[in-house]
Amino acid sequence: MDSTASTAADDAPVPASVWTVERIRALGTVTDVATVGEIFGLSRNSAYELARGNRLPVPVLRVGSRYRVSVAAILTALSVPTEHPTPPSTT
């Protein structure tokens, strides 16, 4: 299997482990703490420890015994607009 996910604007391959804005948006509405840890460069254990102490850089939702994080909150923490930019009009 190919180890690259897509190419960047300069056509250099991007490793599959790199979290791009598009890849984060593709997660959907919410994701788990382990994925948040990957995005922010944390180990799984560190991410869960921070989530339990409410110290992740994003708000954590507790749903039953599971933790969930809003993808919009991740994008906001990364200073990325949560909405896709609208293309300029041609008129």
C-alpha atoms as a PDB file:
ATOM      1  CA  MET A   1       0.000   0.000   0.000  1.00  0.00           C
ATOM      2  CA  ASP A   2       1.209   3.520  -0.796  1.00  0.00           C
ATOM      3  CA  SER A   3       2.448   5.496   2.226  1.00  0.00           C
ATOM      4  CA  THR A   4       1.336   8.869   0.894  1.00  0.00           C
ATOM      5  CA  ALA A   5      -2.128  10.301   1.286  1.00  0.00           C
ATOM      6  CA  SER A   6      -2.180  13.160  -1.178  1.00  0.00           C
ATOM      7  CA  THR A   7       0.076  15.798  -2.569  1.00  0.00           C
ATOM      8  CA  ALA A   8       0.553  19.302  -1.264  1.00  0.00           C
ATOM      9  CA  ALA A   9       0.362  22.413  -3.399  1.00  0.00           C
ATOM     10  CA  ASP A  10       4.037  22.047  -4.288  1.00  0.00           C
ATOM     11  CA  ASP A  11       3.402  18.456  -5.470  1.00  0.00           C
ATOM     12  CA  ALA A  12       5.583  16.962  -2.725  1.00  0.00           C
ATOM     13  CA  PRO A  13       4.018  13.795  -1.290  1.00  0.00           C
ATOM     14  CA  VAL A  14       2.361  14.175   2.102  1.00  0.00           C
ATOM     15  CA  PRO A  15       2.841  11.176   4.439  1.00  0.00           C
ATOM     16  CA  ALA A  16      -0.424   9.506   5.482  1.00  0.00           C
ATOM     17  CA  SER A  17       0.357  10.282   9.134  1.00  0.00           C
ATOM     18  CA  VAL A  18       0.208  14.056   8.547  1.00  0.00           C
ATOM     19  CA  TRP A  19      -3.068  15.638   9.611  1.00  0.00           C
ATOM     20  CA  THR A  20      -4.174  18.121   6.973  1.00  0.00           C
ATOM     21  CA  VAL A  21      -7.198  20.395   7.346  1.00  0.00           C
ATOM     22  CA  GLU A  22      -9.023  18.284   4.754  1.00  0.00           C
ATOM     23  CA  ARG A  23      -8.241  15.086   6.629  1.00  0.00           C
ATOM     24  CA  ILE A  24      -9.476  16.584   9.908  1.00  0.00           C
ATOM     25  CA  ARG A  25     -12.697  17.813   8.264  1.00  0.00           C
ATOM     26  CA  ALA A  26     -13.225  14.341   6.804  1.00  0.00           C
ATOM     27  CA  LEU A  27     -13.523  12.944  10.350  1.00  0.00           C
ATOM     28  CA  GLY A  28     -17.130  14.148  10.474  1.00  0.00           C
ATOM     29  CA  THR A  29     -18.775  15.962  13.354  1.00  0.00           C
ATOM     30  CA  VAL A  30     -16.977  14.373  16.322  1.00  0.00           C
ATOM     31  CA  THR A  31     -13.973  12.156  16.896  1.00  0.00           C
ATOM     32  CA  ASP A  32     -12.325  10.252  19.726  1.00  0.00           C
ATOM     33  CA  VAL A  33      -9.585  11.356  22.109  1.00  0.00           C
ATOM     34  CA  ALA A  34      -6.946   9.077  20.571  1.00  0.00           C
ATOM     35  CA  THR A  35      -7.404  10.826  17.216  1.00  0.00           C
ATOM     36  CA  VAL A  36      -7.235  14.243  18.902  1.00  0.00           C
ATOM     37  CA  GLY A  37      -3.966  13.126  20.455  1.00  0.00           C
ATOM     38  CA  GLU A  38      -2.578  12.213  17.031  1.00  0.00           C
ATOM     39  CA  ILE A  39      -3.615  15.576  15.588  1.00  0.00           C
ATOM     40  CA  PHE A  40      -1.930  17.495  18.416  1.00  0.00           C
ATOM     41  CA  GLY A  41       1.142  15.253  18.523  1.00  0.00           C
ATOM     42  CA  LEU A  42       0.275  13.521  21.793  1.00  0.00           C
ATOM     43  CA  SER A  43       0.492   9.868  22.706  1.00  0.00           C
ATOM     44  CA  ARG A  44      -2.783   8.040  23.240  1.00  0.00           C
ATOM     45  CA  ASN A  45      -2.114   7.773  26.987  1.00  0.00           C
ATOM     46  CA  SER A  46      -1.260  11.474  27.301  1.00  0.00           C
ATOM     47  CA  ALA A  47      -4.375  12.471  25.361  1.00  0.00           C
ATOM     48  CA  TYR A  48      -6.643  10.424  27.639  1.00  0.00           C
ATOM     49  CA  GLU A  49      -4.876  11.707  30.759  1.00  0.00           C
ATOM     50  CA  LEU A  50      -5.392  15.308  29.603  1.00  0.00           C
ATOM     51  CA  ALA A  51      -9.031  14.556  28.693  1.00  0.00           C
ATOM     52  CA  ARG A  52      -9.720  13.111  32.147  1.00  0.00           C
ATOM     53  CA  GLY A  53      -8.258  16.256  33.715  1.00  0.00           C
ATOM     54  CA  ASN A  54     -10.117  18.522  31.273  1.00  0.00           C
ATOM     55  CA  ARG A  55      -6.751  19.867  30.046  1.00  0.00           C
ATOM     56  CA  LEU A  56      -6.880  19.104  26.317  1.00  0.00           C
ATOM     57  CA  PRO A  57      -6.699  22.225  24.115  1.00  0.00           C
ATOM     58  CA  VAL A  58     -10.296  21.470  23.043  1.00  0.00           C
ATOM     59  CA  PRO A  59     -13.494  20.856  25.027  1.00  0.00           C
ATOM     60  CA  VAL A  60     -14.196  17.181  25.657  1.00  0.00           C
ATOM     61  CA  LEU A  61     -17.722  15.758  25.652  1.00  0.00           C
ATOM     62  CA  ARG A  62     -18.378  12.754  27.870  1.00  0.00           C
ATOM     63  CA  VAL A  63     -20.966  10.435  26.342  1.00  0.00           C
ATOM     64  CA  GLY A  64     -21.551   7.568  28.737  1.00  0.00           C
ATOM     65  CA  SER A  65     -18.133   6.070  29.348  1.00  0.00           C
ATOM     66  CA  ARG A  66     -16.693   7.518  26.136  1.00  0.00           C
ATOM     67  CA  TYR A  67     -15.018  10.818  25.380  1.00  0.00           C
ATOM     68  CA  ARG A  68     -15.812  12.688  22.165  1.00  0.00           C
ATOM     69  CA  VAL A  69     -14.400  15.903  20.723  1.00  0.00           C
ATOM     70  CA  SER A  70     -16.039  18.215  18.211  1.00  0.00           C
ATOM     71  CA  VAL A  71     -14.134  18.464  14.934  1.00  0.00           C
ATOM     72  CA  ALA A  72     -15.168  22.143  14.750  1.00  0.00           C
ATOM     73  CA  ALA A  73     -13.469  22.680  18.143  1.00  0.00           C
ATOM     74  CA  ILE A  74     -10.284  21.058  16.819  1.00  0.00           C
ATOM     75  CA  LEU A  75     -10.300  23.340  13.770  1.00  0.00           C
ATOM     76  CA  THR A  76     -10.916  26.372  15.991  1.00  0.00           C
ATOM     77  CA  ALA A  77      -8.019  25.398  18.288  1.00  0.00           C
ATOM     78  CA  LEU A  78      -5.825  25.184  15.192  1.00  0.00           C
ATOM     79  CA  SER A  79      -7.055  28.640  14.040  1.00  0.00           C
ATOM     80  CA  VAL A  80      -8.685  27.140  10.955  1.00  0.00           C
ATOM     81  CA  PRO A  81     -12.082  28.417   9.810  1.00  0.00           C
ATOM     82  CA  THR A  82     -14.719  25.782  10.494  1.00  0.00           C
ATOM     83  CA  GLU A  83     -16.579  26.602   7.276  1.00  0.00           C
ATOM     84  CA  HIS A  84     -15.171  25.801   3.861  1.00  0.00           C
ATOM     85  CA  PRO A  85     -14.212  29.022   2.073  1.00  0.00           C
ATOM     86  CA  THR A  86     -16.670  30.045  -0.630  1.00  0.00           C
ATOM     87  CA  PRO A  87     -15.212  30.392  -4.114  1.00  0.00           C
ATOM     88  CA  PRO A  88     -15.132  33.912  -5.518  1.00  0.00           C
ATOM     89  CA  SER A  89     -18.002  34.800  -7.798  1.00  0.00           C
ATOM     90  CA  THR A  90     -17.305  35.217 -11.500  1.00  0.00           C
ATOM     91  CA  THR A  91     -19.779  38.035 -12.037  1.00  0.00           C
END
